[in-house]
Amino acid sequence: MKYLYPLLFLSFFAANSLLGQHKAVSFDYEKAAFNNNQPLPAETHILLQGKAPQEVNYVEIAVYNDKGSEKRLPLYVAAWKRPFDKLTTEFNLPINYKLRGSTEYDFKISFFRPITAQEQMALQSQLYQHLDAYLEQTLGLSKSSIQLNRSNHQVITDLNKIVKTGLKHYRSATNIQFDGFSDIIKQTLRRIEKAKLSKGKFLFLGKTKDEARIEYRKKLIADLKTLIHGELDQILQTNLAKLSDSRYINDYETEKTDRQLSIQLGYGGTYVDGDFSNLSIGNAAFIGLAFPLGKRAFAPRILSNTAITVGAYVNNFKDLGQNGNDLSGPIFKRPVYLGLSHKLYQFIYLNAGATFLEEANTAGQISGLGSRVYVRPNFGISVQINLTAKLER
């Protein structure tokens, strides 16, 4: 008993940690819908919950783009396996793939049951027949050797395809998947292709020359079949489960999300002119907008912490002229900047970019803008206040 309460506490903590990181979503098999037809959570991991009849030992979900051909590959695949000796009628399937907001996806949820011994033997026999028939058709007989009707590489590709097609509706409860035949099969094929059938007369004594060639071919192919069957059996004997039912859900929406937009307030300086001995730096507070290069849920941290910024300084600058002429900028009649900001700490950002300047007495005029405006580097520090902009589909 002294270990019971700590174990219960740890179990409760682990369960709550998982739920804290994953938003729970219920799947209704009858309605083929999630959360009573509510949009799916976006930009977060999901814990899919649903009914799993006792005969089902494997549940798989595949996520697809909402548009594309029937043969398109899934964006993400996850599976639930029934724990040993558990009679639960529910499954909990973590989906560690963040869906984009205001987007539609297709989903396929498949249910698998353990295959019987008879079904396993039937599957084995069927695959053996298909593989053997292909080998007999591909490995032809010439006068002195075995002639491959296709390249060695193509033969291996075809053999792999036969197996993968035959196992399309099966899953391994031990996570052992067929990744293709080994290099041993490839090397055996090469040896067969180079073999001299004339050697058959030393193996099959009493046979005519032609009979010995035929028998030697049969032996080489039989040895290859034995190797192929052996590698295939390693997959067929891994507690396979067979597809028993599936539900396909078309064009299911995710919740609408906001596009991040920030107001930027800061203080910065712009190099105006001069050299190190006589340097002119214009400095003032600035205000602008910041557009992040990526969302934190999908983009690398360096992109989600960096934004394109645009705005204007609140005051004009002065140059090094005798009269200290005012320097303004286009559009707002204030120096305008364009650049990047990068987060230093929480809401504090470092800014760098370019400032667009022109003489204050011509600021705001359209004609001759290209010849009047010039660019200078800037730097600064700012705070960014996040706003939201609805992203409609």
Protein backbone atom coordinates (compact mmCIF):
# COMPACT_ATOMS: atom_id res chain seq x y z
CA MET A 1 0.00 0.00 0.00
CA LYS A 2 2.86 2.41 0.71
CA TYR A 3 3.65 2.51 -3.05
CA LEU A 4 0.04 2.85 -4.18
CA TYR A 5 -0.44 6.57 -3.58
CA PRO A 6 2.83 7.66 -5.22
CA LEU A 7 1.99 5.52 -8.26
CA LEU A 8 -1.50 6.99 -8.46
CA PHE A 9 -0.06 10.49 -8.18
CA LEU A 10 2.47 9.85 -10.95
CA SER A 11 -0.23 8.36 -13.20
CA PHE A 12 -2.49 11.33 -12.59
CA PHE A 13 0.36 13.76 -13.25
CA ALA A 14 1.35 12.00 -16.49
CA ALA A 15 -2.23 11.97 -17.74
CA ASN A 16 -2.71 15.64 -16.98
CA SER A 17 0.61 16.50 -18.62
CA LEU A 18 -0.50 14.78 -21.82
CA LEU A 19 -3.86 16.52 -21.77
CA GLY A 20 -2.13 19.81 -21.06
CA GLN A 21 -0.04 19.47 -24.20
CA HIS A 22 -2.81 18.01 -26.37
CA LYS A 23 -6.33 19.32 -26.89
CA ALA A 24 -8.86 16.52 -26.51
CA VAL A 25 -11.02 15.90 -29.59
CA SER A 26 -13.78 13.27 -29.68
CA PHE A 27 -14.52 11.28 -32.83
CA ASP A 28 -18.10 10.21 -33.54
CA TYR A 29 -18.02 7.11 -35.75
CA GLU A 30 -21.71 7.21 -36.65
CA LYS A 31 -21.66 10.87 -37.72
CA ALA A 32 -18.10 10.76 -39.08
CA ALA A 33 -17.42 14.04 -37.28
CA PHE A 34 -15.23 15.54 -34.58
CA ASN A 35 -16.45 17.29 -31.42
CA ASN A 36 -20.09 17.30 -32.53
CA ASN A 37 -19.25 18.88 -35.90
CA GLN A 38 -17.18 21.66 -34.34
CA PRO A 39 -14.03 22.87 -36.14
CA LEU A 40 -10.81 21.12 -35.14
CA PRO A 41 -8.26 22.92 -32.93
CA ALA A 42 -5.48 24.60 -34.89
CA GLU A 43 -1.80 25.21 -34.16
CA THR A 44 -1.70 22.67 -31.33
CA HIS A 45 -1.30 18.94 -30.78
CA ILE A 46 -4.49 16.88 -30.54
CA LEU A 47 -5.53 13.87 -28.48
CA LEU A 48 -8.12 12.01 -30.56
CA GLN A 49 -10.59 9.99 -28.50
CA GLY A 50 -13.16 7.52 -29.78
CA LYS A 51 -14.78 4.10 -29.52
CA ALA A 52 -12.73 0.98 -30.19
CA PRO A 53 -14.70 -2.30 -30.25
CA GLN A 54 -12.98 -5.13 -28.40
CA GLU A 55 -12.18 -6.96 -31.64
CA VAL A 56 -10.21 -3.91 -32.84
CA ASN A 57 -6.56 -3.84 -31.77
CA TYR A 58 -5.20 -1.10 -34.04
CA VAL A 59 -6.59 2.31 -35.03
CA GLU A 60 -4.89 4.55 -37.56
CA ILE A 61 -5.55 8.13 -38.61
CA ALA A 62 -4.14 9.69 -41.77
CA VAL A 63 -4.28 13.44 -42.44
CA TYR A 64 -4.47 14.68 -46.05
CA ASN A 65 -4.65 17.96 -47.89
CA ASP A 66 -8.26 18.66 -48.82
CA LYS A 67 -7.41 18.78 -52.52
CA GLY A 68 -5.55 16.27 -54.63
CA SER A 69 -5.80 12.90 -56.28
CA GLU A 70 -6.81 9.70 -54.53
CA LYS A 71 -3.17 8.57 -54.63
CA ARG A 72 -1.82 11.60 -52.74
CA LEU A 73 0.39 10.84 -49.78
CA PRO A 74 -0.80 11.71 -46.26
CA LEU A 75 0.63 14.70 -44.45
CA TYR A 76 0.77 12.72 -41.23
CA VAL A 77 -0.07 9.24 -39.95
CA ALA A 78 -0.54 8.15 -36.33
CA ALA A 79 -1.74 4.92 -34.76
CA TRP A 80 -3.15 3.54 -31.52
CA LYS A 81 -2.43 -0.04 -30.46
CA ARG A 82 -4.47 -1.86 -27.87
CA PRO A 83 -2.37 -2.50 -24.75
CA PHE A 84 -1.87 -6.15 -23.80
CA ASP A 85 -4.71 -7.68 -21.78
CA LYS A 86 -6.76 -4.48 -21.97
CA LEU A 87 -10.48 -4.76 -22.70
CA THR A 88 -11.05 -1.03 -23.04
CA THR A 89 -13.62 0.09 -25.60
CA GLU A 90 -12.03 3.50 -26.17
CA PHE A 91 -8.86 4.66 -27.87
CA ASN A 92 -6.71 7.72 -27.13
CA LEU A 93 -4.54 8.64 -30.09
CA PRO A 94 -2.06 11.55 -29.82
CA ILE A 95 -1.73 13.51 -33.07
CA ASN A 96 1.58 15.34 -32.90
CA TYR A 97 0.90 17.35 -36.04
CA LYS A 98 -0.30 20.92 -35.81
CA LEU A 99 -3.13 21.78 -38.20
CA ARG A 100 -3.18 25.21 -39.78
CA GLY A 101 -6.02 27.52 -38.88
CA SER A 102 -8.85 28.42 -41.27
CA THR A 103 -7.96 25.41 -43.42
CA GLU A 104 -9.76 22.26 -44.58
CA TYR A 105 -8.28 18.76 -44.33
CA ASP A 106 -9.31 15.23 -45.25
CA PHE A 107 -9.05 12.47 -42.65
CA LYS A 108 -9.11 8.69 -42.92
CA ILE A 109 -9.64 6.71 -39.73
CA SER A 110 -9.05 2.98 -40.14
CA PHE A 111 -9.85 0.13 -37.75
CA PHE A 112 -7.88 -3.13 -37.81
CA ARG A 113 -8.44 -6.50 -36.12
CA PRO A 114 -6.00 -9.39 -35.54
CA ILE A 115 -5.87 -11.87 -38.42
CA THR A 116 -6.61 -15.54 -37.82
CA ALA A 117 -4.14 -18.33 -38.52
CA GLN A 118 -6.14 -19.27 -41.62
CA GLU A 119 -6.06 -15.68 -42.90
CA GLN A 120 -2.32 -15.51 -42.28
CA MET A 121 -1.75 -18.70 -44.29
CA ALA A 122 -3.98 -17.43 -47.09
CA LEU A 123 -2.10 -14.11 -47.21
CA GLN A 124 1.23 -15.93 -47.24
CA SER A 125 0.11 -18.24 -50.04
CA GLN A 126 -1.21 -15.34 -52.12
CA LEU A 127 2.01 -13.34 -51.82
CA TYR A 128 4.12 -16.42 -52.56
CA GLN A 129 2.15 -17.04 -55.74
CA HIS A 130 2.45 -13.45 -56.97
CA LEU A 131 6.18 -13.27 -56.26
CA ASP A 132 6.90 -16.69 -57.77
CA ALA A 133 4.89 -15.94 -60.90
CA TYR A 134 6.77 -12.70 -61.38
CA LEU A 135 10.15 -14.41 -61.02
CA GLU A 136 9.24 -17.17 -63.48
CA GLN A 137 8.13 -14.57 -65.99
CA THR A 138 11.14 -12.30 -65.50
CA LEU A 139 13.98 -14.84 -65.33
CA GLY A 140 14.05 -16.25 -68.84
CA LEU A 141 16.27 -18.97 -70.27
CA SER A 142 18.84 -18.26 -72.94
CA LYS A 143 21.32 -20.65 -74.52
CA SER A 144 23.94 -20.42 -71.79
CA SER A 145 22.52 -18.24 -68.99
CA ILE A 146 19.45 -16.87 -67.25
CA GLN A 147 18.26 -13.73 -68.98
CA LEU A 148 16.52 -11.02 -66.91
CA ASN A 149 13.75 -9.32 -68.87
CA ARG A 150 14.28 -6.20 -66.75
CA SER A 151 17.18 -4.55 -65.02
CA ASN A 152 18.30 -5.85 -61.65
CA HIS A 153 17.13 -2.63 -60.00
CA GLN A 154 13.69 -2.80 -61.66
CA VAL A 155 13.20 -6.42 -60.57
CA ILE A 156 13.81 -5.48 -56.93
CA THR A 157 11.48 -2.48 -57.30
CA ASP A 158 8.73 -4.71 -58.72
CA LEU A 159 9.16 -7.34 -56.00
CA ASN A 160 8.90 -4.65 -53.32
CA LYS A 161 5.78 -3.24 -54.97
CA ILE A 162 4.11 -6.67 -55.05
CA VAL A 163 4.61 -7.08 -51.30
CA LYS A 164 3.59 -3.53 -50.38
CA THR A 165 0.45 -3.79 -52.50
CA GLY A 166 -0.42 -7.14 -50.91
CA LEU A 167 0.05 -5.72 -47.41
CA LYS A 168 -1.79 -2.48 -48.13
CA HIS A 169 -4.70 -3.39 -45.85
CA TYR A 170 -2.57 -4.87 -43.06
CA ARG A 171 -0.64 -3.37 -40.16
CA SER A 172 1.95 -4.83 -37.81
CA ALA A 173 1.16 -4.48 -34.12
CA THR A 174 4.90 -4.67 -33.40
CA ASN A 175 5.74 -1.71 -35.66
CA ILE A 176 7.83 -3.91 -37.96
CA GLN A 177 7.16 -2.68 -41.47
CA PHE A 178 8.28 -4.02 -44.83
CA ASP A 179 10.92 -1.60 -46.10
CA GLY A 180 11.97 -3.66 -49.09
CA PHE A 181 14.02 -6.77 -49.75
CA SER A 182 17.58 -6.84 -48.45
CA ASP A 183 20.88 -6.58 -50.28
CA ILE A 184 21.14 -10.37 -50.08
CA ILE A 185 18.32 -10.64 -52.61
CA LYS A 186 19.99 -8.07 -54.85
CA GLN A 187 23.32 -9.91 -54.73
CA THR A 188 21.62 -13.24 -55.42
CA LEU A 189 19.96 -11.76 -58.48
CA ARG A 190 23.33 -10.57 -59.76
CA ARG A 191 24.85 -14.02 -59.25
CA ILE A 192 21.96 -15.63 -61.09
CA GLU A 193 22.36 -13.22 -63.98
CA LYS A 194 26.07 -14.08 -64.25
CA ALA A 195 25.66 -17.83 -63.70
CA LYS A 196 26.70 -20.20 -66.51
CA LEU A 197 24.01 -22.82 -66.99
CA SER A 198 26.55 -25.17 -68.51
CA LYS A 199 27.65 -25.96 -64.93
CA GLY A 200 24.40 -27.86 -64.57
CA LYS A 201 25.92 -30.92 -66.18
CA PHE A 202 28.14 -31.36 -63.10
CA LEU A 203 25.18 -31.10 -60.72
CA PHE A 204 22.65 -33.18 -62.58
CA LEU A 205 24.50 -36.25 -63.74
CA GLY A 206 22.65 -38.49 -66.13
CA LYS A 207 20.74 -35.58 -67.65
CA THR A 208 21.22 -34.40 -71.18
CA LYS A 209 22.93 -31.07 -71.75
CA ASP A 210 19.62 -29.24 -72.29
CA GLU A 211 17.92 -31.00 -69.37
CA ALA A 212 20.82 -30.08 -67.07
CA ARG A 213 20.56 -26.42 -68.09
CA ILE A 214 16.82 -26.41 -67.34
CA GLU A 215 17.28 -28.13 -63.98
CA TYR A 216 20.08 -25.76 -62.99
CA ARG A 217 17.85 -22.78 -63.82
CA LYS A 218 15.09 -24.26 -61.68
CA LYS A 219 17.51 -24.71 -58.78
CA LEU A 220 18.83 -21.15 -58.96
CA ILE A 221 15.31 -19.71 -59.08
CA ALA A 222 14.13 -22.04 -56.28
CA ASP A 223 17.00 -20.87 -54.06
CA LEU A 224 16.05 -17.25 -54.79
CA LYS A 225 12.40 -17.96 -53.96
CA THR A 226 13.45 -19.53 -50.66
CA LEU A 227 15.38 -16.41 -49.70
CA ILE A 228 12.50 -14.13 -50.70
CA HIS A 229 9.94 -16.24 -48.82
CA GLY A 230 12.15 -16.21 -45.74
CA GLU A 231 12.41 -12.42 -45.66
CA LEU A 232 8.68 -12.10 -46.29
CA ASP A 233 7.87 -14.49 -43.42
CA GLN A 234 9.67 -12.15 -41.02
CA ILE A 235 6.92 -9.63 -41.73
CA LEU A 236 4.01 -12.06 -41.89
CA GLN A 237 4.79 -13.44 -38.44
CA THR A 238 4.61 -10.11 -36.58
CA ASN A 239 1.05 -10.12 -35.21
CA LEU A 240 -0.55 -8.62 -38.29
CA ALA A 241 -3.89 -6.84 -38.10
CA LYS A 242 -6.33 -6.65 -41.02
CA LEU A 243 -8.44 -3.68 -42.05
CA SER A 244 -11.99 -4.24 -40.85
CA ASP A 245 -13.56 -0.79 -41.25
CA SER A 246 -12.70 2.80 -42.08
CA ARG A 247 -14.27 6.24 -42.21
CA TYR A 248 -13.23 8.96 -44.65
CA ILE A 249 -14.01 12.58 -43.76
CA ASN A 250 -13.83 15.16 -46.53
CA ASP A 251 -13.05 18.87 -46.23
CA TYR A 252 -13.23 19.18 -42.46
CA GLU A 253 -12.51 22.69 -41.21
CA THR A 254 -10.14 23.84 -38.52
CA GLU A 255 -10.91 26.76 -36.26
CA LYS A 256 -10.28 30.24 -37.58
CA THR A 257 -7.04 31.74 -36.34
CA ASP A 258 -5.62 35.23 -36.21
CA ARG A 259 -2.71 36.53 -38.21
CA GLN A 260 -0.26 38.17 -35.84
CA LEU A 261 0.21 41.91 -36.23
CA SER A 262 2.10 44.13 -33.80
CA ILE A 263 2.40 47.84 -33.10
CA GLN A 264 6.03 48.80 -32.63
CA LEU A 265 7.18 51.62 -30.35
CA GLY A 266 10.84 52.39 -29.99
CA TYR A 267 13.80 54.71 -30.12
CA GLY A 268 16.48 54.61 -32.77
CA GLY A 269 19.16 56.38 -34.68
CA THR A 270 19.94 56.88 -38.36
CA TYR A 271 23.31 57.69 -39.86
CA VAL A 272 22.79 60.97 -41.76
CA ASP A 273 26.24 61.93 -43.04
CA GLY A 274 29.83 62.70 -42.00
CA ASP A 275 32.80 60.55 -41.03
CA PHE A 276 34.11 59.32 -37.69
CA SER A 277 35.56 62.74 -36.82
CA ASN A 278 32.38 64.60 -37.72
CA LEU A 279 29.50 62.18 -37.52
CA SER A 280 25.83 63.12 -37.80
CA ILE A 281 23.29 60.73 -36.30
CA GLY A 282 19.60 61.52 -36.39
CA ASN A 283 17.74 60.03 -33.46
CA ALA A 284 14.14 60.05 -32.37
CA ALA A 285 11.29 57.88 -31.18
CA PHE A 286 9.53 55.86 -33.86
CA ILE A 287 6.22 54.07 -34.32
CA GLY A 288 5.31 51.41 -36.84
CA LEU A 289 3.94 47.97 -37.61
CA ALA A 290 5.66 44.58 -37.34
CA PHE A 291 4.80 41.50 -39.40
CA PRO A 292 6.38 38.25 -38.08
CA LEU A 293 8.15 36.08 -40.65
CA GLY A 294 6.50 32.93 -39.30
CA LYS A 295 4.08 31.54 -36.75
CA ARG A 296 5.57 29.99 -33.65
CA ALA A 297 3.55 26.79 -34.18
CA PHE A 298 5.15 26.06 -37.56
CA ALA A 299 8.23 28.20 -38.21
CA PRO A 300 11.73 27.85 -36.72
CA ARG A 301 12.29 30.03 -33.69
CA ILE A 302 14.61 32.40 -35.54
CA LEU A 303 11.80 33.21 -38.01
CA SER A 304 8.97 33.41 -35.48
CA ASN A 305 11.11 35.80 -33.39
CA THR A 306 11.90 38.02 -36.38
CA ALA A 307 9.55 40.48 -38.08
CA ILE A 308 9.48 42.83 -41.04
CA THR A 309 8.95 46.35 -39.73
CA VAL A 310 7.75 49.55 -41.36
CA GLY A 311 6.99 52.92 -39.81
CA ALA A 312 8.14 56.48 -39.26
CA TYR A 313 10.12 58.54 -36.77
CA VAL A 314 8.05 61.05 -34.84
CA ASN A 315 10.58 63.90 -35.35
CA ASN A 316 12.65 65.12 -38.27
CA PHE A 317 16.46 64.99 -38.28
CA LYS A 318 19.04 67.70 -39.03
CA ASP A 319 22.01 67.44 -41.37
CA LEU A 320 25.53 68.85 -40.92
CA GLY A 321 24.92 71.88 -43.08
CA GLN A 322 25.67 75.37 -41.83
CA ASN A 323 22.02 75.99 -41.16
CA GLY A 324 21.26 72.49 -39.91
CA ASN A 325 18.56 71.79 -42.50
CA ASP A 326 15.65 69.65 -41.45
CA LEU A 327 15.55 66.15 -42.94
CA SER A 328 12.15 64.58 -43.33
CA GLY A 329 10.84 61.70 -45.41
CA PRO A 330 8.27 60.75 -48.05
CA ILE A 331 4.58 60.01 -47.49
CA PHE A 332 4.25 61.01 -43.80
CA LYS A 333 6.56 64.07 -43.92
CA ARG A 334 8.71 62.28 -41.38
CA PRO A 335 11.71 59.94 -41.83
CA VAL A 336 10.33 56.57 -42.91
CA TYR A 337 12.03 53.27 -42.06
CA LEU A 338 11.88 49.69 -43.33
CA GLY A 339 13.77 46.85 -41.71
CA LEU A 340 13.79 43.83 -39.43
CA SER A 341 13.28 43.39 -35.72
CA HIS A 342 14.46 40.43 -33.65
CA LYS A 343 13.30 39.50 -30.17
CA LEU A 344 15.88 39.94 -27.44
CA TYR A 345 13.73 39.21 -24.42
CA GLN A 346 9.96 38.72 -24.19
CA PHE A 347 8.55 41.87 -25.87
CA ILE A 348 11.87 43.74 -26.32
CA TYR A 349 13.27 43.81 -29.87
CA LEU A 350 16.44 44.93 -31.62
CA ASN A 351 15.85 46.84 -34.86
CA ALA A 352 18.00 47.37 -37.95
CA GLY A 353 17.17 48.50 -41.44
CA ALA A 354 17.03 51.50 -43.74
CA THR A 355 15.63 55.03 -43.33
CA PHE A 356 14.29 57.00 -46.32
CA LEU A 357 15.15 60.71 -46.10
CA GLU A 358 14.62 63.91 -48.09
CA GLU A 359 14.73 67.66 -47.46
CA ALA A 360 11.86 68.81 -45.27
CA ASN A 361 10.84 71.59 -47.67
CA THR A 362 10.01 69.04 -50.41
CA ALA A 363 8.56 66.29 -48.21
CA GLY A 364 5.16 65.04 -49.25
CA GLN A 365 5.50 65.97 -52.92
CA ILE A 366 5.01 63.21 -55.48
CA SER A 367 6.87 64.59 -58.49
CA GLY A 368 10.61 63.93 -58.51
CA LEU A 369 10.34 61.57 -55.57
CA GLY A 370 12.96 59.15 -56.92
CA SER A 371 15.62 61.82 -57.31
CA ARG A 372 15.02 63.48 -53.92
CA VAL A 373 14.83 60.52 -51.57
CA TYR A 374 17.99 58.80 -50.34
CA VAL A 375 18.58 55.88 -47.97
CA ARG A 376 20.59 55.65 -44.77
CA PRO A 377 21.13 52.73 -42.32
CA ASN A 378 19.37 52.75 -38.98
CA PHE A 379 19.34 50.87 -35.70
CA GLY A 380 17.24 50.95 -32.57
CA ILE A 381 15.43 49.15 -29.82
CA SER A 382 11.68 48.73 -29.45
CA VAL A 383 8.78 47.05 -27.77
CA GLN A 384 6.07 45.30 -29.77
CA ILE A 385 2.43 45.09 -28.72
CA ASN A 386 0.60 42.23 -30.39
CA LEU A 387 -2.70 42.91 -32.09
CA THR A 388 -4.83 40.43 -34.04
CA ALA A 389 -6.04 40.40 -37.62
CA LYS A 390 -8.66 37.87 -38.54
CA LEU A 391 -7.55 35.46 -41.25
CA GLU A 392 -10.62 34.56 -43.27
CA ARG A 393 -10.51 31.70 -45.73
